[in-house]
């Protein structure tokens, strides 16, 4: 595949469906989960390496893949070359599990910016800290702390979509400072907050252009 400029755009059909388009992408995403989202992907060019719950899957041009909600996975180029793919993220309802863990998960999801210590989480879940971490990771793919950081990044994404300033996003999403936001954001999203904001704007412009063309 020819070496072209990397590009990524985000488009939202509604609050439940989002489309992400990666073009000539080379980034690798560290292990993470998609909370309450089913992810469906289609590889347009190149090859990707998908590790799903420890199992490796190689996908080439024309291949599709499926990532269930709350399942630990990582993704990146299979051979060091760039890839292009389209990803559809569909919001789903979580499957029933331990009610105490679900309550803990919900508390983190709703207010990830709050300081929530492991001992407080364990107390709220009515189990020991060690056992709580084990059970939470088994149920949701991440430790409670990893999950909270990921949720803070997701909140930062939503705030950036609302055109909030990066300094305001840093504070509202619960990060210590902007460098902390940048590190965590790049690890999860693969972009800086500023690059993500630009990608959102590019996606909005594309959607607006399509709407005008269909009138």
N, C-alpha and C. Protein backbone atom coordinates (compact mmCIF):
# COMPACT_ATOMS: atom_id res chain seq x y z
N UNK A 1 0.85 -1.19 0.00
CA UNK A 1 0.00 0.00 0.00
C UNK A 1 0.88 1.24 0.00
N UNK A 2 0.48 2.24 -0.80
CA UNK A 2 1.27 3.46 -0.89
C UNK A 2 1.30 4.19 0.45
N UNK A 3 2.44 4.81 0.73
CA UNK A 3 2.59 5.57 1.96
C UNK A 3 1.90 6.92 1.83
N UNK A 4 0.75 7.10 2.49
CA UNK A 4 -0.02 8.32 2.41
C UNK A 4 -0.19 8.88 3.81
N UNK A 5 -0.79 10.05 3.88
CA UNK A 5 -0.97 10.72 5.16
C UNK A 5 -1.98 9.98 6.02
N UNK A 6 -1.63 9.84 7.30
CA UNK A 6 -2.56 9.23 8.24
C UNK A 6 -3.75 10.16 8.46
N UNK A 7 -4.92 9.58 8.63
CA UNK A 7 -6.10 10.39 8.90
C UNK A 7 -7.11 9.54 9.66
N UNK A 8 -7.88 10.20 10.52
CA UNK A 8 -8.94 9.53 11.26
C UNK A 8 -10.10 10.50 11.41
N UNK A 9 -11.31 9.99 11.23
CA UNK A 9 -12.50 10.82 11.42
C UNK A 9 -13.52 10.05 12.25
N UNK A 10 -14.30 10.80 13.01
CA UNK A 10 -15.35 10.25 13.86
C UNK A 10 -16.69 10.82 13.40
N UNK A 11 -17.67 9.94 13.26
CA UNK A 11 -19.02 10.39 12.90
C UNK A 11 -20.02 9.69 13.80
N UNK A 12 -20.96 10.46 14.35
CA UNK A 12 -21.99 9.90 15.21
C UNK A 12 -23.35 9.97 14.52
N UNK A 13 -23.99 8.81 14.38
CA UNK A 13 -25.35 8.80 13.84
C UNK A 13 -26.33 9.27 14.89
N UNK A 14 -26.07 8.85 16.15
CA UNK A 14 -26.90 9.24 17.29
C UNK A 14 -26.11 8.88 18.55
N UNK A 15 -26.78 8.89 19.70
CA UNK A 15 -26.09 8.60 20.96
C UNK A 15 -25.68 7.14 21.10
N UNK A 16 -26.19 6.27 20.24
CA UNK A 16 -25.92 4.84 20.37
C UNK A 16 -24.97 4.31 19.29
N UNK A 17 -24.78 5.04 18.22
CA UNK A 17 -23.99 4.53 17.09
C UNK A 17 -22.92 5.54 16.69
N UNK A 18 -21.68 5.07 16.59
CA UNK A 18 -20.56 5.91 16.17
C UNK A 18 -19.75 5.16 15.12
N UNK A 19 -19.27 5.88 14.12
CA UNK A 19 -18.43 5.30 13.07
C UNK A 19 -17.07 5.97 13.11
N UNK A 20 -16.02 5.16 13.13
CA UNK A 20 -14.65 5.67 13.12
C UNK A 20 -13.96 5.15 11.87
N UNK A 21 -13.36 6.06 11.12
CA UNK A 21 -12.69 5.69 9.87
C UNK A 21 -11.19 5.98 10.01
N UNK A 22 -10.38 4.93 9.93
CA UNK A 22 -8.93 5.05 10.00
C UNK A 22 -8.38 4.90 8.57
N UNK A 23 -7.56 5.84 8.15
CA UNK A 23 -6.97 5.78 6.80
C UNK A 23 -5.45 5.86 6.90
N UNK A 24 -4.79 4.85 6.33
CA UNK A 24 -3.32 4.78 6.34
C UNK A 24 -2.78 4.92 7.76
N UNK A 25 -3.38 4.19 8.66
CA UNK A 25 -3.09 4.28 10.09
C UNK A 25 -1.95 3.34 10.46
N UNK A 26 -1.13 3.74 11.42
CA UNK A 26 0.01 2.90 11.82
C UNK A 26 0.06 2.68 13.33
N UNK A 27 -0.84 3.30 14.06
CA UNK A 27 -0.78 3.24 15.52
C UNK A 27 -1.24 1.89 16.05
N UNK A 28 -0.65 1.52 17.20
CA UNK A 28 -1.05 0.33 17.93
C UNK A 28 -1.76 0.77 19.21
N UNK A 29 -2.88 0.15 19.51
CA UNK A 29 -3.65 0.49 20.70
C UNK A 29 -3.39 -0.55 21.79
N UNK A 30 -2.95 -0.07 22.95
CA UNK A 30 -2.66 -0.96 24.08
C UNK A 30 -3.95 -1.62 24.56
N UNK A 31 -3.83 -2.70 25.36
CA UNK A 31 -5.03 -3.39 25.84
C UNK A 31 -6.04 -2.44 26.49
N UNK A 32 -7.29 -2.55 26.06
CA UNK A 32 -8.37 -1.70 26.57
C UNK A 32 -9.70 -2.40 26.33
N UNK A 33 -10.77 -1.82 26.79
CA UNK A 33 -12.11 -2.37 26.54
C UNK A 33 -13.00 -1.28 25.97
N UNK A 34 -14.13 -1.68 25.41
CA UNK A 34 -15.16 -0.74 24.99
C UNK A 34 -16.37 -0.99 25.90
N UNK A 35 -16.55 -0.11 26.86
CA UNK A 35 -17.59 -0.29 27.86
C UNK A 35 -18.98 -0.19 27.23
N UNK A 36 -19.74 -1.27 27.36
CA UNK A 36 -21.13 -1.31 26.88
C UNK A 36 -21.25 -0.97 25.40
N UNK A 37 -20.22 -1.31 24.61
CA UNK A 37 -20.27 -1.08 23.17
C UNK A 37 -19.84 -2.34 22.42
N UNK A 38 -20.64 -2.74 21.45
CA UNK A 38 -20.27 -3.79 20.52
C UNK A 38 -19.53 -3.12 19.36
N UNK A 39 -18.36 -3.66 18.99
CA UNK A 39 -17.54 -3.07 17.94
C UNK A 39 -17.48 -4.01 16.75
N UNK A 40 -17.83 -3.49 15.58
CA UNK A 40 -17.77 -4.24 14.34
C UNK A 40 -16.80 -3.53 13.40
N UNK A 41 -15.84 -4.28 12.87
CA UNK A 41 -14.81 -3.65 12.04
C UNK A 41 -14.69 -4.28 10.67
N UNK A 42 -14.24 -3.47 9.71
CA UNK A 42 -14.01 -3.93 8.34
C UNK A 42 -12.66 -3.36 7.87
N UNK A 43 -11.76 -4.24 7.43
CA UNK A 43 -10.43 -3.82 6.98
C UNK A 43 -10.50 -3.48 5.50
N UNK A 44 -10.17 -2.23 5.18
CA UNK A 44 -10.21 -1.77 3.79
C UNK A 44 -8.90 -2.01 3.06
N UNK A 45 -7.79 -1.76 3.75
CA UNK A 45 -6.46 -1.94 3.16
C UNK A 45 -5.49 -2.39 4.23
N UNK A 46 -4.44 -3.11 3.82
CA UNK A 46 -3.42 -3.56 4.76
C UNK A 46 -3.88 -4.72 5.63
N UNK A 47 -3.15 -4.92 6.72
CA UNK A 47 -3.50 -6.00 7.65
C UNK A 47 -3.41 -5.49 9.07
N UNK A 48 -4.28 -6.00 9.94
CA UNK A 48 -4.23 -5.65 11.36
C UNK A 48 -4.02 -6.91 12.20
N UNK A 49 -3.46 -6.68 13.37
CA UNK A 49 -3.29 -7.74 14.36
C UNK A 49 -4.22 -7.42 15.53
N UNK A 50 -5.17 -8.28 15.77
CA UNK A 50 -6.13 -8.10 16.86
C UNK A 50 -5.89 -9.18 17.91
N UNK A 51 -5.67 -8.76 19.14
CA UNK A 51 -5.53 -9.71 20.25
C UNK A 51 -6.76 -9.56 21.12
N UNK A 52 -7.56 -10.62 21.17
CA UNK A 52 -8.84 -10.60 21.85
C UNK A 52 -8.82 -11.62 22.98
N UNK A 53 -8.78 -11.10 24.23
CA UNK A 53 -8.69 -11.99 25.39
C UNK A 53 -7.51 -12.94 25.29
N UNK A 54 -6.38 -12.44 24.78
CA UNK A 54 -5.17 -13.24 24.70
C UNK A 54 -5.01 -14.04 23.42
N UNK A 55 -6.07 -14.13 22.61
CA UNK A 55 -6.00 -14.89 21.36
C UNK A 55 -5.72 -13.94 20.19
N UNK A 56 -4.73 -14.28 19.36
CA UNK A 56 -4.33 -13.41 18.25
C UNK A 56 -5.11 -13.74 16.99
N UNK A 57 -5.54 -12.68 16.30
CA UNK A 57 -6.27 -12.82 15.05
C UNK A 57 -5.69 -11.84 14.04
N UNK A 58 -5.35 -12.32 12.85
CA UNK A 58 -4.84 -11.47 11.77
C UNK A 58 -5.96 -11.24 10.76
N UNK A 59 -6.20 -9.97 10.44
CA UNK A 59 -7.26 -9.62 9.50
C UNK A 59 -6.67 -8.82 8.35
N UNK A 60 -6.99 -9.23 7.11
CA UNK A 60 -6.50 -8.53 5.93
C UNK A 60 -7.61 -7.83 5.18
N UNK A 61 -7.29 -7.30 4.03
CA UNK A 61 -8.24 -6.55 3.22
C UNK A 61 -9.51 -7.36 2.97
N UNK A 62 -10.65 -6.78 3.27
CA UNK A 62 -11.93 -7.45 3.06
C UNK A 62 -12.42 -8.24 4.26
N UNK A 63 -11.57 -8.41 5.28
CA UNK A 63 -11.97 -9.17 6.47
C UNK A 63 -12.77 -8.29 7.43
N UNK A 64 -13.60 -8.95 8.21
CA UNK A 64 -14.37 -8.27 9.26
C UNK A 64 -14.00 -8.86 10.61
N UNK A 65 -14.27 -8.11 11.67
CA UNK A 65 -14.04 -8.62 13.03
C UNK A 65 -15.09 -8.06 13.96
N UNK A 66 -15.22 -8.72 15.10
CA UNK A 66 -16.24 -8.36 16.08
C UNK A 66 -15.62 -8.37 17.47
N UNK A 67 -15.80 -7.29 18.23
CA UNK A 67 -15.29 -7.19 19.59
C UNK A 67 -16.47 -6.98 20.53
N UNK A 68 -16.79 -7.96 21.37
CA UNK A 68 -17.91 -7.82 22.29
C UNK A 68 -17.65 -6.72 23.33
N UNK A 69 -18.69 -6.23 23.98
CA UNK A 69 -18.52 -5.21 25.02
C UNK A 69 -17.69 -5.72 26.19
N UNK A 70 -16.91 -4.84 26.80
CA UNK A 70 -16.17 -5.13 28.03
C UNK A 70 -15.19 -6.29 27.90
N UNK A 71 -14.68 -6.52 26.70
CA UNK A 71 -13.70 -7.59 26.47
C UNK A 71 -12.34 -6.94 26.19
N UNK A 72 -11.32 -7.37 26.93
CA UNK A 72 -9.98 -6.81 26.78
C UNK A 72 -9.41 -7.16 25.41
N UNK A 73 -8.87 -6.13 24.72
CA UNK A 73 -8.29 -6.37 23.41
C UNK A 73 -7.25 -5.31 23.09
N UNK A 74 -6.42 -5.60 22.12
CA UNK A 74 -5.46 -4.64 21.58
C UNK A 74 -5.44 -4.80 20.08
N UNK A 75 -5.04 -3.73 19.39
CA UNK A 75 -5.11 -3.76 17.93
C UNK A 75 -4.00 -2.89 17.35
N UNK A 76 -3.47 -3.30 16.20
CA UNK A 76 -2.40 -2.54 15.57
C UNK A 76 -2.05 -3.16 14.22
N UNK A 77 -1.06 -2.60 13.54
CA UNK A 77 -0.66 -3.16 12.24
C UNK A 77 -0.04 -4.54 12.40
N UNK A 78 -0.34 -5.44 11.45
CA UNK A 78 0.17 -6.81 11.56
C UNK A 78 1.62 -6.91 11.15
N UNK A 79 2.08 -6.05 10.26
CA UNK A 79 3.43 -6.20 9.70
C UNK A 79 4.21 -4.89 9.69
N UNK A 80 3.79 -3.92 10.49
CA UNK A 80 4.48 -2.64 10.53
C UNK A 80 4.06 -1.66 9.45
N UNK A 81 3.22 -2.13 8.52
CA UNK A 81 2.73 -1.27 7.45
C UNK A 81 1.41 -0.63 7.87
N UNK A 82 1.01 0.39 7.15
CA UNK A 82 -0.23 1.09 7.49
C UNK A 82 -1.45 0.24 7.11
N UNK A 83 -2.56 0.58 7.72
CA UNK A 83 -3.83 -0.10 7.45
C UNK A 83 -4.95 0.93 7.40
N UNK A 84 -6.02 0.58 6.73
CA UNK A 84 -7.23 1.41 6.70
C UNK A 84 -8.39 0.52 7.09
N UNK A 85 -9.27 1.04 7.93
CA UNK A 85 -10.42 0.25 8.35
C UNK A 85 -11.56 1.16 8.79
N UNK A 86 -12.75 0.59 8.74
CA UNK A 86 -13.96 1.26 9.20
C UNK A 86 -14.47 0.49 10.42
N UNK A 87 -14.79 1.22 11.48
CA UNK A 87 -15.26 0.59 12.71
C UNK A 87 -16.61 1.18 13.11
N UNK A 88 -17.55 0.30 13.39
CA UNK A 88 -18.88 0.70 13.85
C UNK A 88 -19.02 0.33 15.32
N UNK A 89 -19.30 1.30 16.17
CA UNK A 89 -19.47 1.07 17.60
C UNK A 89 -20.94 1.26 17.96
N UNK A 90 -21.55 0.21 18.50
CA UNK A 90 -22.98 0.25 18.82
C UNK A 90 -23.16 0.07 20.33
N UNK A 91 -23.82 1.00 20.95
CA UNK A 91 -24.04 0.93 22.39
C UNK A 91 -25.01 -0.20 22.72
N UNK A 92 -24.66 -1.00 23.72
CA UNK A 92 -25.50 -2.13 24.14
C UNK A 92 -25.75 -2.06 25.64
N UNK A 93 -26.71 -2.82 26.09
CA UNK A 93 -26.98 -2.92 27.52
C UNK A 93 -26.07 -3.98 28.13
N UNK A 94 -25.46 -3.72 29.30
CA UNK A 94 -24.58 -4.72 29.92
C UNK A 94 -25.34 -5.95 30.35
N UNK A 95 -24.67 -7.10 30.25
CA UNK A 95 -25.28 -8.34 30.70
C UNK A 95 -25.30 -8.38 32.23
N UNK A 96 -26.34 -8.98 32.80
CA UNK A 96 -26.43 -9.04 34.27
C UNK A 96 -25.24 -9.79 34.86
N UNK A 97 -24.74 -9.30 35.97
CA UNK A 97 -23.66 -9.97 36.68
C UNK A 97 -23.84 -9.68 38.16
N UNK A 98 -22.78 -9.83 38.94
CA UNK A 98 -22.84 -9.54 40.36
C UNK A 98 -23.39 -8.13 40.59
N UNK A 99 -24.50 -7.99 41.31
CA UNK A 99 -25.10 -6.66 41.49
C UNK A 99 -24.18 -5.67 42.20
N UNK A 100 -23.34 -6.14 43.11
CA UNK A 100 -22.41 -5.25 43.80
C UNK A 100 -21.36 -4.70 42.83
N UNK A 101 -20.85 -5.59 41.95
CA UNK A 101 -19.88 -5.15 40.95
C UNK A 101 -20.53 -4.22 39.94
N UNK A 102 -21.77 -4.52 39.56
CA UNK A 102 -22.47 -3.65 38.62
C UNK A 102 -22.68 -2.26 39.21
N UNK A 103 -23.00 -2.22 40.49
CA UNK A 103 -23.19 -0.93 41.16
C UNK A 103 -21.87 -0.15 41.21
N UNK A 104 -20.79 -0.85 41.48
CA UNK A 104 -19.47 -0.22 41.51
C UNK A 104 -19.10 0.29 40.12
N UNK A 105 -19.33 -0.52 39.12
CA UNK A 105 -19.05 -0.14 37.74
C UNK A 105 -19.85 1.09 37.34
N UNK A 106 -21.12 1.11 37.73
CA UNK A 106 -21.99 2.24 37.40
C UNK A 106 -21.51 3.52 38.08
N UNK A 107 -21.07 3.38 39.33
CA UNK A 107 -20.58 4.56 40.07
C UNK A 107 -19.36 5.17 39.39
N UNK A 108 -18.47 4.30 38.90
CA UNK A 108 -17.28 4.80 38.20
C UNK A 108 -17.67 5.43 36.86
N UNK A 109 -18.57 4.77 36.13
CA UNK A 109 -19.00 5.27 34.84
C UNK A 109 -19.65 6.64 34.94
N UNK A 110 -20.47 6.81 35.95
CA UNK A 110 -21.25 8.05 36.06
C UNK A 110 -20.41 9.23 36.52
N UNK A 111 -19.41 8.97 37.36
CA UNK A 111 -18.57 10.06 37.86
C UNK A 111 -17.10 9.61 37.95
N UNK A 112 -16.47 9.36 36.80
CA UNK A 112 -15.09 8.87 36.80
C UNK A 112 -14.10 9.89 37.34
N UNK A 113 -14.49 11.17 37.33
CA UNK A 113 -13.57 12.22 37.79
C UNK A 113 -13.40 12.23 39.30
N UNK A 114 -14.30 11.60 40.03
CA UNK A 114 -14.23 11.60 41.49
C UNK A 114 -13.08 10.73 42.00
N UNK A 115 -12.47 11.17 43.10
CA UNK A 115 -11.46 10.35 43.75
C UNK A 115 -12.17 9.17 44.43
N UNK A 116 -11.82 7.97 44.02
CA UNK A 116 -12.50 6.77 44.51
C UNK A 116 -11.41 5.75 44.82
N UNK A 117 -11.03 5.63 46.07
CA UNK A 117 -9.94 4.77 46.48
C UNK A 117 -10.35 3.30 46.46
N UNK A 118 -9.36 2.43 46.26
CA UNK A 118 -9.63 0.99 46.18
C UNK A 118 -10.33 0.49 47.46
N UNK A 119 -9.88 0.97 48.61
CA UNK A 119 -10.51 0.50 49.85
C UNK A 119 -11.98 0.95 49.93
N UNK A 120 -12.29 2.11 49.35
CA UNK A 120 -13.68 2.57 49.33
C UNK A 120 -14.51 1.72 48.36
N UNK A 121 -13.91 1.39 47.23
CA UNK A 121 -14.60 0.52 46.27
C UNK A 121 -14.92 -0.83 46.89
N UNK A 122 -13.92 -1.41 47.56
CA UNK A 122 -14.10 -2.73 48.18
C UNK A 122 -15.18 -2.68 49.26
N UNK A 123 -15.19 -1.61 50.02
CA UNK A 123 -16.21 -1.46 51.06
C UNK A 123 -17.60 -1.38 50.45
N UNK A 124 -17.73 -0.63 49.36
CA UNK A 124 -19.02 -0.51 48.69
C UNK A 124 -19.46 -1.81 48.05
N UNK A 125 -18.47 -2.63 47.62
CA UNK A 125 -18.80 -3.92 46.99
C UNK A 125 -18.93 -5.04 48.02
N UNK A 126 -18.64 -4.73 49.30
CA UNK A 126 -18.79 -5.66 50.43
C UNK A 126 -17.85 -6.87 50.31
N UNK A 127 -16.65 -6.64 49.76
CA UNK A 127 -15.64 -7.70 49.68
C UNK A 127 -14.27 -7.08 49.93
N UNK A 128 -13.25 -7.93 50.10
CA UNK A 128 -11.90 -7.44 50.35
C UNK A 128 -11.33 -6.76 49.11
N UNK A 129 -10.39 -5.82 49.29
CA UNK A 129 -9.80 -5.14 48.11
C UNK A 129 -9.21 -6.10 47.09
N UNK A 130 -8.45 -7.10 47.57
CA UNK A 130 -7.80 -8.04 46.65
C UNK A 130 -8.85 -8.82 45.86
N UNK A 131 -9.86 -9.33 46.54
CA UNK A 131 -10.90 -10.12 45.88
C UNK A 131 -11.72 -9.24 44.94
N UNK A 132 -11.97 -8.01 45.34
CA UNK A 132 -12.73 -7.09 44.51
C UNK A 132 -12.02 -6.81 43.19
N UNK A 133 -10.70 -6.57 43.27
CA UNK A 133 -9.93 -6.30 42.05
C UNK A 133 -9.97 -7.50 41.11
N UNK A 134 -9.79 -8.71 41.68
CA UNK A 134 -9.81 -9.93 40.87
C UNK A 134 -11.15 -10.11 40.17
N UNK A 135 -12.23 -9.96 40.94
CA UNK A 135 -13.56 -10.18 40.38
C UNK A 135 -13.92 -9.10 39.36
N UNK A 136 -13.54 -7.87 39.62
CA UNK A 136 -13.85 -6.78 38.70
C UNK A 136 -13.13 -7.00 37.36
N UNK A 137 -11.86 -7.37 37.44
CA UNK A 137 -11.09 -7.59 36.21
C UNK A 137 -11.66 -8.77 35.42
N UNK A 138 -12.07 -9.81 36.11
CA UNK A 138 -12.64 -10.96 35.42
C UNK A 138 -13.95 -10.59 34.74
N UNK A 139 -14.75 -9.74 35.38
CA UNK A 139 -16.05 -9.37 34.83
C UNK A 139 -15.96 -8.35 33.70
N UNK A 140 -15.01 -7.38 33.83
CA UNK A 140 -15.01 -6.25 32.91
C UNK A 140 -13.69 -6.05 32.15
N UNK A 141 -12.73 -6.94 32.33
CA UNK A 141 -11.51 -6.91 31.53
C UNK A 141 -10.41 -6.01 32.04
N UNK A 142 -10.71 -5.10 32.97
CA UNK A 142 -9.73 -4.17 33.51
C UNK A 142 -9.82 -4.14 35.02
N UNK A 143 -8.75 -3.70 35.68
CA UNK A 143 -8.84 -3.46 37.12
C UNK A 143 -9.71 -2.22 37.34
N UNK A 144 -10.23 -2.01 38.55
CA UNK A 144 -11.04 -0.81 38.80
C UNK A 144 -10.29 0.48 38.48
N UNK A 145 -9.00 0.54 38.82
CA UNK A 145 -8.23 1.76 38.53
C UNK A 145 -8.08 1.97 37.03
N UNK A 146 -7.75 0.91 36.29
CA UNK A 146 -7.63 1.02 34.84
C UNK A 146 -8.96 1.43 34.22
N UNK A 147 -10.03 0.87 34.74
CA UNK A 147 -11.36 1.19 34.24
C UNK A 147 -11.70 2.66 34.50
N UNK A 148 -11.34 3.16 35.68
CA UNK A 148 -11.62 4.55 36.01
C UNK A 148 -10.85 5.50 35.09
N UNK A 149 -9.57 5.20 34.83
CA UNK A 149 -8.79 6.04 33.93
C UNK A 149 -9.39 6.02 32.53
N UNK A 150 -9.78 4.83 32.06
CA UNK A 150 -10.39 4.74 30.74
C UNK A 150 -11.69 5.54 30.68
N UNK A 151 -12.48 5.48 31.75
CA UNK A 151 -13.74 6.23 31.80
C UNK A 151 -13.48 7.74 31.82
N UNK A 152 -12.40 8.15 32.48
CA UNK A 152 -12.04 9.57 32.46
C UNK A 152 -11.70 10.01 31.04
N UNK A 153 -10.98 9.17 30.32
CA UNK A 153 -10.65 9.49 28.93
C UNK A 153 -11.93 9.57 28.09
N UNK A 154 -12.85 8.63 28.30
CA UNK A 154 -14.10 8.66 27.54
C UNK A 154 -14.89 9.93 27.86
N UNK A 155 -14.87 10.35 29.12
CA UNK A 155 -15.55 11.59 29.48
C UNK A 155 -14.86 12.77 28.81
N UNK A 156 -13.53 12.76 28.77
CA UNK A 156 -12.79 13.82 28.10
C UNK A 156 -13.17 13.88 26.62
N UNK A 157 -13.35 12.72 25.99
CA UNK A 157 -13.77 12.70 24.59
C UNK A 157 -15.11 13.41 24.42
N UNK A 158 -16.06 13.09 25.28
CA UNK A 158 -17.39 13.70 25.18
C UNK A 158 -17.32 15.21 25.37
N UNK A 159 -16.50 15.65 26.31
CA UNK A 159 -16.37 17.08 26.56
C UNK A 159 -15.72 17.79 25.37
N UNK A 160 -14.75 17.13 24.74
CA UNK A 160 -14.12 17.72 23.55
C UNK A 160 -15.12 17.79 22.40
N UNK A 161 -16.01 16.79 22.31
CA UNK A 161 -17.05 16.82 21.28
C UNK A 161 -18.01 17.98 21.50
N UNK A 162 -18.11 18.44 22.75
CA UNK A 162 -18.97 19.58 23.08
C UNK A 162 -18.22 20.91 22.94
N UNK A 163 -16.99 20.83 22.37
CA UNK A 163 -16.17 22.02 22.11
C UNK A 163 -15.69 22.70 23.39
N UNK A 164 -15.53 21.93 24.47
CA UNK A 164 -14.93 22.49 25.69
C UNK A 164 -13.43 22.69 25.47
N UNK A 165 -12.85 23.66 26.15
CA UNK A 165 -11.42 23.89 26.04
C UNK A 165 -10.66 22.73 26.69
N UNK A 166 -9.45 22.49 26.24
CA UNK A 166 -8.67 21.37 26.78
C UNK A 166 -8.36 21.59 28.26
N UNK A 167 -8.13 22.82 28.67
CA UNK A 167 -7.88 23.09 30.09
C UNK A 167 -9.12 22.77 30.92
N UNK A 168 -10.30 23.10 30.41
CA UNK A 168 -11.54 22.79 31.12
C UNK A 168 -11.78 21.28 31.16
N UNK A 169 -11.48 20.62 30.05
CA UNK A 169 -11.64 19.16 29.97
C UNK A 169 -10.74 18.48 30.99
N UNK A 170 -9.51 18.95 31.12
CA UNK A 170 -8.55 18.38 32.08
C UNK A 170 -9.14 18.37 33.48
N UNK A 171 -9.71 19.48 33.87
CA UNK A 171 -10.28 19.60 35.22
C UNK A 171 -11.57 18.78 35.36
N UNK A 172 -12.48 18.92 34.41
CA UNK A 172 -13.79 18.27 34.52
C UNK A 172 -13.71 16.75 34.44
N UNK A 173 -12.70 16.24 33.74
CA UNK A 173 -12.57 14.79 33.59
C UNK A 173 -11.73 14.16 34.72
N UNK A 174 -11.19 14.99 35.61
CA UNK A 174 -10.51 14.46 36.79
C UNK A 174 -9.04 14.20 36.65
N UNK A 175 -8.37 14.82 35.66
CA UNK A 175 -6.93 14.62 35.49
C UNK A 175 -6.15 15.66 36.29
N UNK A 176 -4.97 15.26 36.74
CA UNK A 176 -4.16 16.13 37.59
C UNK A 176 -3.72 17.38 36.86
N UNK A 177 -3.32 17.22 35.59
CA UNK A 177 -2.90 18.36 34.78
C UNK A 177 -3.00 17.94 33.32
N UNK A 178 -2.67 18.86 32.42
CA UNK A 178 -2.86 18.58 31.00
C UNK A 178 -1.91 17.50 30.49
N UNK A 179 -0.71 17.43 31.05
CA UNK A 179 0.22 16.38 30.62
C UNK A 179 -0.30 15.00 31.01
N UNK A 180 -0.97 14.92 32.17
CA UNK A 180 -1.59 13.67 32.59
C UNK A 180 -2.71 13.28 31.64
N UNK A 181 -3.53 14.27 31.27
CA UNK A 181 -4.59 14.03 30.29
C UNK A 181 -4.00 13.55 28.98
N UNK A 182 -2.95 14.23 28.50
CA UNK A 182 -2.34 13.87 27.22
C UNK A 182 -1.84 12.43 27.22
N UNK A 183 -1.15 12.04 28.29
CA UNK A 183 -0.58 10.68 28.36
C UNK A 183 -1.68 9.62 28.32
N UNK A 184 -2.68 9.80 29.16
CA UNK A 184 -3.76 8.81 29.24
C UNK A 184 -4.59 8.81 27.96
N UNK A 185 -4.85 9.98 27.42
CA UNK A 185 -5.67 10.11 26.21
C UNK A 185 -5.00 9.42 25.03
N UNK A 186 -3.70 9.66 24.86
CA UNK A 186 -2.98 9.04 23.75
C UNK A 186 -2.92 7.53 23.89
N UNK A 187 -2.81 7.05 25.13
CA UNK A 187 -2.73 5.61 25.35
C UNK A 187 -4.03 4.92 24.95
N UNK A 188 -5.17 5.54 25.24
CA UNK A 188 -6.47 4.94 24.96
C UNK A 188 -6.95 5.24 23.55
N UNK A 189 -6.84 6.49 23.13
CA UNK A 189 -7.41 6.94 21.85
C UNK A 189 -6.41 6.91 20.71
N UNK A 190 -5.11 7.01 21.04
CA UNK A 190 -4.09 7.03 20.00
C UNK A 190 -3.84 8.40 19.41
N UNK A 191 -4.47 9.42 19.99
CA UNK A 191 -4.34 10.80 19.54
C UNK A 191 -4.17 11.70 20.75
N UNK A 192 -3.65 12.91 20.53
CA UNK A 192 -3.70 13.91 21.58
C UNK A 192 -5.12 14.47 21.64
N UNK A 193 -5.51 15.11 22.74
CA UNK A 193 -6.84 15.73 22.78
C UNK A 193 -7.07 16.70 21.63
N UNK A 194 -6.06 17.49 21.27
CA UNK A 194 -6.21 18.44 20.17
C UNK A 194 -6.43 17.72 18.84
N UNK A 195 -5.69 16.62 18.61
CA UNK A 195 -5.87 15.86 17.38
C UNK A 195 -7.25 15.22 17.32
N UNK A 196 -7.72 14.75 18.47
CA UNK A 196 -9.06 14.16 18.52
C UNK A 196 -10.12 15.20 18.17
N UNK A 197 -9.98 16.39 18.73
CA UNK A 197 -10.93 17.47 18.45
C UNK A 197 -10.96 17.78 16.95
N UNK A 198 -9.78 17.78 16.32
CA UNK A 198 -9.70 18.04 14.88
C UNK A 198 -10.38 16.92 14.09
N UNK A 199 -10.21 15.66 14.54
CA UNK A 199 -10.82 14.53 13.85
C UNK A 199 -12.34 14.59 13.95
N UNK A 200 -12.84 15.01 15.11
CA UNK A 200 -14.29 15.17 15.30
C UNK A 200 -14.82 16.23 14.35
N UNK A 201 -14.11 17.35 14.25
CA UNK A 201 -14.54 18.43 13.37
C UNK A 201 -14.54 17.98 11.91
N UNK A 202 -13.52 17.20 11.53
CA UNK A 202 -13.45 16.68 10.16
C UNK A 202 -14.63 15.76 9.87
N UNK A 203 -14.99 14.91 10.85
CA UNK A 203 -16.14 14.03 10.68
C UNK A 203 -17.43 14.80 10.57
N UNK A 204 -17.58 15.86 11.38
CA UNK A 204 -18.78 16.69 11.32
C UNK A 204 -18.89 17.38 9.97
N UNK A 205 -17.77 17.84 9.42
CA UNK A 205 -17.78 18.51 8.13
C UNK A 205 -18.17 17.54 7.02
N UNK A 206 -17.67 16.30 7.12
CA UNK A 206 -18.03 15.29 6.11
C UNK A 206 -19.52 14.99 6.17
N UNK A 207 -20.06 14.85 7.39
CA UNK A 207 -21.48 14.56 7.57
C UNK A 207 -22.32 15.70 7.02
N UNK A 208 -21.90 16.93 7.31
CA UNK A 208 -22.64 18.09 6.82
C UNK A 208 -22.64 18.13 5.30
N UNK A 209 -21.50 17.79 4.71
CA UNK A 209 -21.41 17.77 3.25
C UNK A 209 -22.33 16.73 2.63
N UNK A 210 -22.42 15.56 3.24
CA UNK A 210 -23.29 14.51 2.74
C UNK A 210 -24.75 14.92 2.87
N UNK A 211 -25.11 15.57 3.97
CA UNK A 211 -26.49 16.01 4.18
C UNK A 211 -26.90 17.04 3.13
N UNK A 212 -25.99 17.97 2.81
CA UNK A 212 -26.28 18.98 1.78
C UNK A 212 -26.44 18.33 0.41
N UNK A 213 -25.59 17.32 0.15
CA UNK A 213 -25.64 16.65 -1.14
C UNK A 213 -26.95 15.87 -1.34
N UNK A 214 -27.53 15.42 -0.21
CA UNK A 214 -28.75 14.60 -0.30
C UNK A 214 -30.03 15.43 -0.32
N UNK A 215 -29.90 16.74 -0.19
CA UNK A 215 -31.10 17.60 -0.19
C UNK A 215 -31.70 17.72 -1.59
